């Protein structure tokens, strides 16, 4: 049986708005970089990371996570801090990711 505190906490978590973390495409990062980035930040397996890399490349963007605001903010910071793709000399930094409210 749940206590009142547990019920309140459970209800608050259920009511917390969700946000999408959206990875944006560019021409300065390779598929291998995207796969490594997604594995590093989220622990995604190579097959899932590659599938998301294909979506980013084909559609210009891909939702890589849907979660509470703090979690997506943390992961956005990790994406932005991941660094440049060493395979592309002109690459100046990390990929970009934006946060959007989930519908």
C-alpha atoms as a PDB file:
ATOM      1  CA  UNK A   1       0.000   0.000   0.000  1.00  0.00           C
ATOM      2  CA  UNK A   2       1.327   3.457  -0.963  1.00  0.00           C
ATOM      3  CA  UNK A   3       1.679   6.275   1.523  1.00  0.00           C
ATOM      4  CA  UNK A   4       0.287   9.739   0.745  1.00  0.00           C
ATOM      5  CA  UNK A   5       3.815  10.994  -0.053  1.00  0.00           C
ATOM      6  CA  UNK A   6       4.380   8.171  -2.526  1.00  0.00           C
ATOM      7  CA  UNK A   7       1.006   8.840  -4.175  1.00  0.00           C
ATOM      8  CA  UNK A   8       1.769  12.560  -4.491  1.00  0.00           C
ATOM      9  CA  UNK A   9       5.242  11.909  -5.920  1.00  0.00           C
ATOM     10  CA  UNK A  10       3.848   9.360  -8.369  1.00  0.00           C
ATOM     11  CA  UNK A  11       1.123  11.769  -9.489  1.00  0.00           C
ATOM     12  CA  UNK A  12       3.594  14.648  -9.893  1.00  0.00           C
ATOM     13  CA  UNK A  13       5.896  12.502 -12.038  1.00  0.00           C
ATOM     14  CA  UNK A  14       2.959  11.406 -14.193  1.00  0.00           C
ATOM     15  CA  UNK A  15       1.953  15.038 -14.728  1.00  0.00           C
ATOM     16  CA  UNK A  16       5.439  16.289 -15.586  1.00  0.00           C
ATOM     17  CA  UNK A  17       5.503  17.511 -19.198  1.00  0.00           C
ATOM     18  CA  UNK A  18       7.637  15.572 -21.646  1.00  0.00           C
ATOM     19  CA  UNK A  19      10.138  17.019 -24.076  1.00  0.00           C
ATOM     20  CA  UNK A  20      11.777  15.740 -27.243  1.00  0.00           C
ATOM     21  CA  UNK A  21      15.516  16.052 -27.719  1.00  0.00           C
ATOM     22  CA  UNK A  22      15.983  16.501 -31.458  1.00  0.00           C
ATOM     23  CA  UNK A  23      19.338  15.942 -33.150  1.00  0.00           C
ATOM     24  CA  UNK A  24      19.850  18.234 -36.163  1.00  0.00           C
ATOM     25  CA  UNK A  25      21.614  17.277 -39.377  1.00  0.00           C
ATOM     26  CA  UNK A  26      24.631  19.017 -40.831  1.00  0.00           C
ATOM     27  CA  UNK A  27      27.334  18.199 -43.357  1.00  0.00           C
ATOM     28  CA  UNK A  28      30.226  18.253 -40.894  1.00  0.00           C
ATOM     29  CA  UNK A  29      29.716  14.916 -39.123  1.00  0.00           C
ATOM     30  CA  UNK A  30      29.988  11.349 -40.403  1.00  0.00           C
ATOM     31  CA  UNK A  31      27.623   8.481 -39.740  1.00  0.00           C
ATOM     32  CA  UNK A  32      30.333   6.909 -37.579  1.00  0.00           C
ATOM     33  CA  UNK A  33      30.499  10.068 -35.454  1.00  0.00           C
ATOM     34  CA  UNK A  34      26.715  10.048 -34.948  1.00  0.00           C
ATOM     35  CA  UNK A  35      26.768   6.361 -33.980  1.00  0.00           C
ATOM     36  CA  UNK A  36      29.594   6.978 -31.485  1.00  0.00           C
ATOM     37  CA  UNK A  37      27.874  10.105 -30.099  1.00  0.00           C
ATOM     38  CA  UNK A  38      24.573   8.306 -29.509  1.00  0.00           C
ATOM     39  CA  UNK A  39      26.336   5.348 -27.912  1.00  0.00           C
ATOM     40  CA  UNK A  40      28.299   7.679 -25.626  1.00  0.00           C
ATOM     41  CA  UNK A  41      25.405   9.925 -24.582  1.00  0.00           C
ATOM     42  CA  UNK A  42      22.538   7.405 -24.428  1.00  0.00           C
ATOM     43  CA  UNK A  43      24.178   3.983 -24.467  1.00  0.00           C
ATOM     44  CA  UNK A  44      22.367   3.128 -27.714  1.00  0.00           C
ATOM     45  CA  UNK A  45      23.437  -0.042 -29.487  1.00  0.00           C
ATOM     46  CA  UNK A  46      25.128   0.424 -32.883  1.00  0.00           C
ATOM     47  CA  UNK A  47      22.041  -0.716 -34.835  1.00  0.00           C
ATOM     48  CA  UNK A  48      19.737   1.777 -33.091  1.00  0.00           C
ATOM     49  CA  UNK A  49      22.307   4.581 -33.357  1.00  0.00           C
ATOM     50  CA  UNK A  50      22.824   3.876 -37.068  1.00  0.00           C
ATOM     51  CA  UNK A  51      19.061   3.874 -37.679  1.00  0.00           C
ATOM     52  CA  UNK A  52      18.805   7.288 -35.992  1.00  0.00           C
ATOM     53  CA  UNK A  53      21.776   8.552 -38.038  1.00  0.00           C
ATOM     54  CA  UNK A  54      19.883   7.530 -41.182  1.00  0.00           C
ATOM     55  CA  UNK A  55      16.790   9.446 -40.011  1.00  0.00           C
ATOM     56  CA  UNK A  56      18.874  12.551 -39.242  1.00  0.00           C
ATOM     57  CA  UNK A  57      20.517  12.372 -42.665  1.00  0.00           C
ATOM     58  CA  UNK A  58      17.274  11.719 -44.558  1.00  0.00           C
ATOM     59  CA  UNK A  59      14.903  14.019 -42.699  1.00  0.00           C
ATOM     60  CA  UNK A  60      17.267  16.655 -41.336  1.00  0.00           C
ATOM     61  CA  UNK A  61      16.389  15.834 -37.746  1.00  0.00           C
ATOM     62  CA  UNK A  62      15.588  12.929 -35.453  1.00  0.00           C
ATOM     63  CA  UNK A  63      14.062  12.635 -32.004  1.00  0.00           C
ATOM     64  CA  UNK A  64      16.734  10.864 -29.981  1.00  0.00           C
ATOM     65  CA  UNK A  65      14.955  11.006 -26.610  1.00  0.00           C
ATOM     66  CA  UNK A  66      11.638  11.899 -25.015  1.00  0.00           C
ATOM     67  CA  UNK A  67      11.824  12.558 -21.293  1.00  0.00           C
ATOM     68  CA  UNK A  68      11.436  15.158 -18.571  1.00  0.00           C
ATOM     69  CA  UNK A  69      13.062  18.556 -19.013  1.00  0.00           C
ATOM     70  CA  UNK A  70      16.049  18.004 -16.710  1.00  0.00           C
ATOM     71  CA  UNK A  71      17.000  14.761 -18.431  1.00  0.00           C
ATOM     72  CA  UNK A  72      16.812  16.177 -21.963  1.00  0.00           C
ATOM     73  CA  UNK A  73      18.721  19.287 -20.869  1.00  0.00           C
ATOM     74  CA  UNK A  74      21.491  17.110 -19.456  1.00  0.00           C
ATOM     75  CA  UNK A  75      21.690  15.043 -22.626  1.00  0.00           C
ATOM     76  CA  UNK A  76      21.591  18.155 -24.816  1.00  0.00           C
ATOM     77  CA  UNK A  77      24.608  19.504 -22.938  1.00  0.00           C
ATOM     78  CA  UNK A  78      26.423  16.193 -23.419  1.00  0.00           C
ATOM     79  CA  UNK A  79      25.715  16.277 -27.160  1.00  0.00           C
ATOM     80  CA  UNK A  80      26.923  19.880 -27.462  1.00  0.00           C
ATOM     81  CA  UNK A  81      30.050  19.027 -25.481  1.00  0.00           C
ATOM     82  CA  UNK A  82      30.947  15.873 -27.399  1.00  0.00           C
ATOM     83  CA  UNK A  83      33.404  17.642 -29.691  1.00  0.00           C
ATOM     84  CA  UNK A  84      34.307  17.720 -33.346  1.00  0.00           C
ATOM     85  CA  UNK A  85      34.359  14.798 -35.763  1.00  0.00           C
ATOM     86  CA  UNK A  86      38.062  13.979 -36.258  1.00  0.00           C
ATOM     87  CA  UNK A  87      37.264  12.346 -39.631  1.00  0.00           C
ATOM     88  CA  UNK A  88      36.298  15.687 -41.209  1.00  0.00           C
ATOM     89  CA  UNK A  89      39.036  18.354 -41.076  1.00  0.00           C
ATOM     90  CA  UNK A  90      36.608  21.290 -41.489  1.00  0.00           C
ATOM     91  CA  UNK A  91      34.439  20.106 -38.593  1.00  0.00           C
ATOM     92  CA  UNK A  92      34.506  22.844 -35.957  1.00  0.00           C
ATOM     93  CA  UNK A  93      32.524  21.244 -33.141  1.00  0.00           C
ATOM     94  CA  UNK A  94      29.737  19.027 -31.926  1.00  0.00           C
ATOM     95  CA  UNK A  95      26.388  18.406 -33.539  1.00  0.00           C
ATOM     96  CA  UNK A  96      23.397  20.499 -32.488  1.00  0.00           C
ATOM     97  CA  UNK A  97      20.323  19.330 -30.645  1.00  0.00           C
ATOM     98  CA  UNK A  98      17.211  21.280 -29.753  1.00  0.00           C
ATOM     99  CA  UNK A  99      14.489  20.691 -27.187  1.00  0.00           C
ATOM    100  CA  UNK A 100      10.828  20.730 -28.166  1.00  0.00           C
ATOM    101  CA  UNK A 101       7.759  20.156 -26.058  1.00  0.00           C
ATOM    102  CA  UNK A 102       6.243  16.742 -26.767  1.00  0.00           C
ATOM    103  CA  UNK A 103       2.668  16.911 -27.998  1.00  0.00           C
END
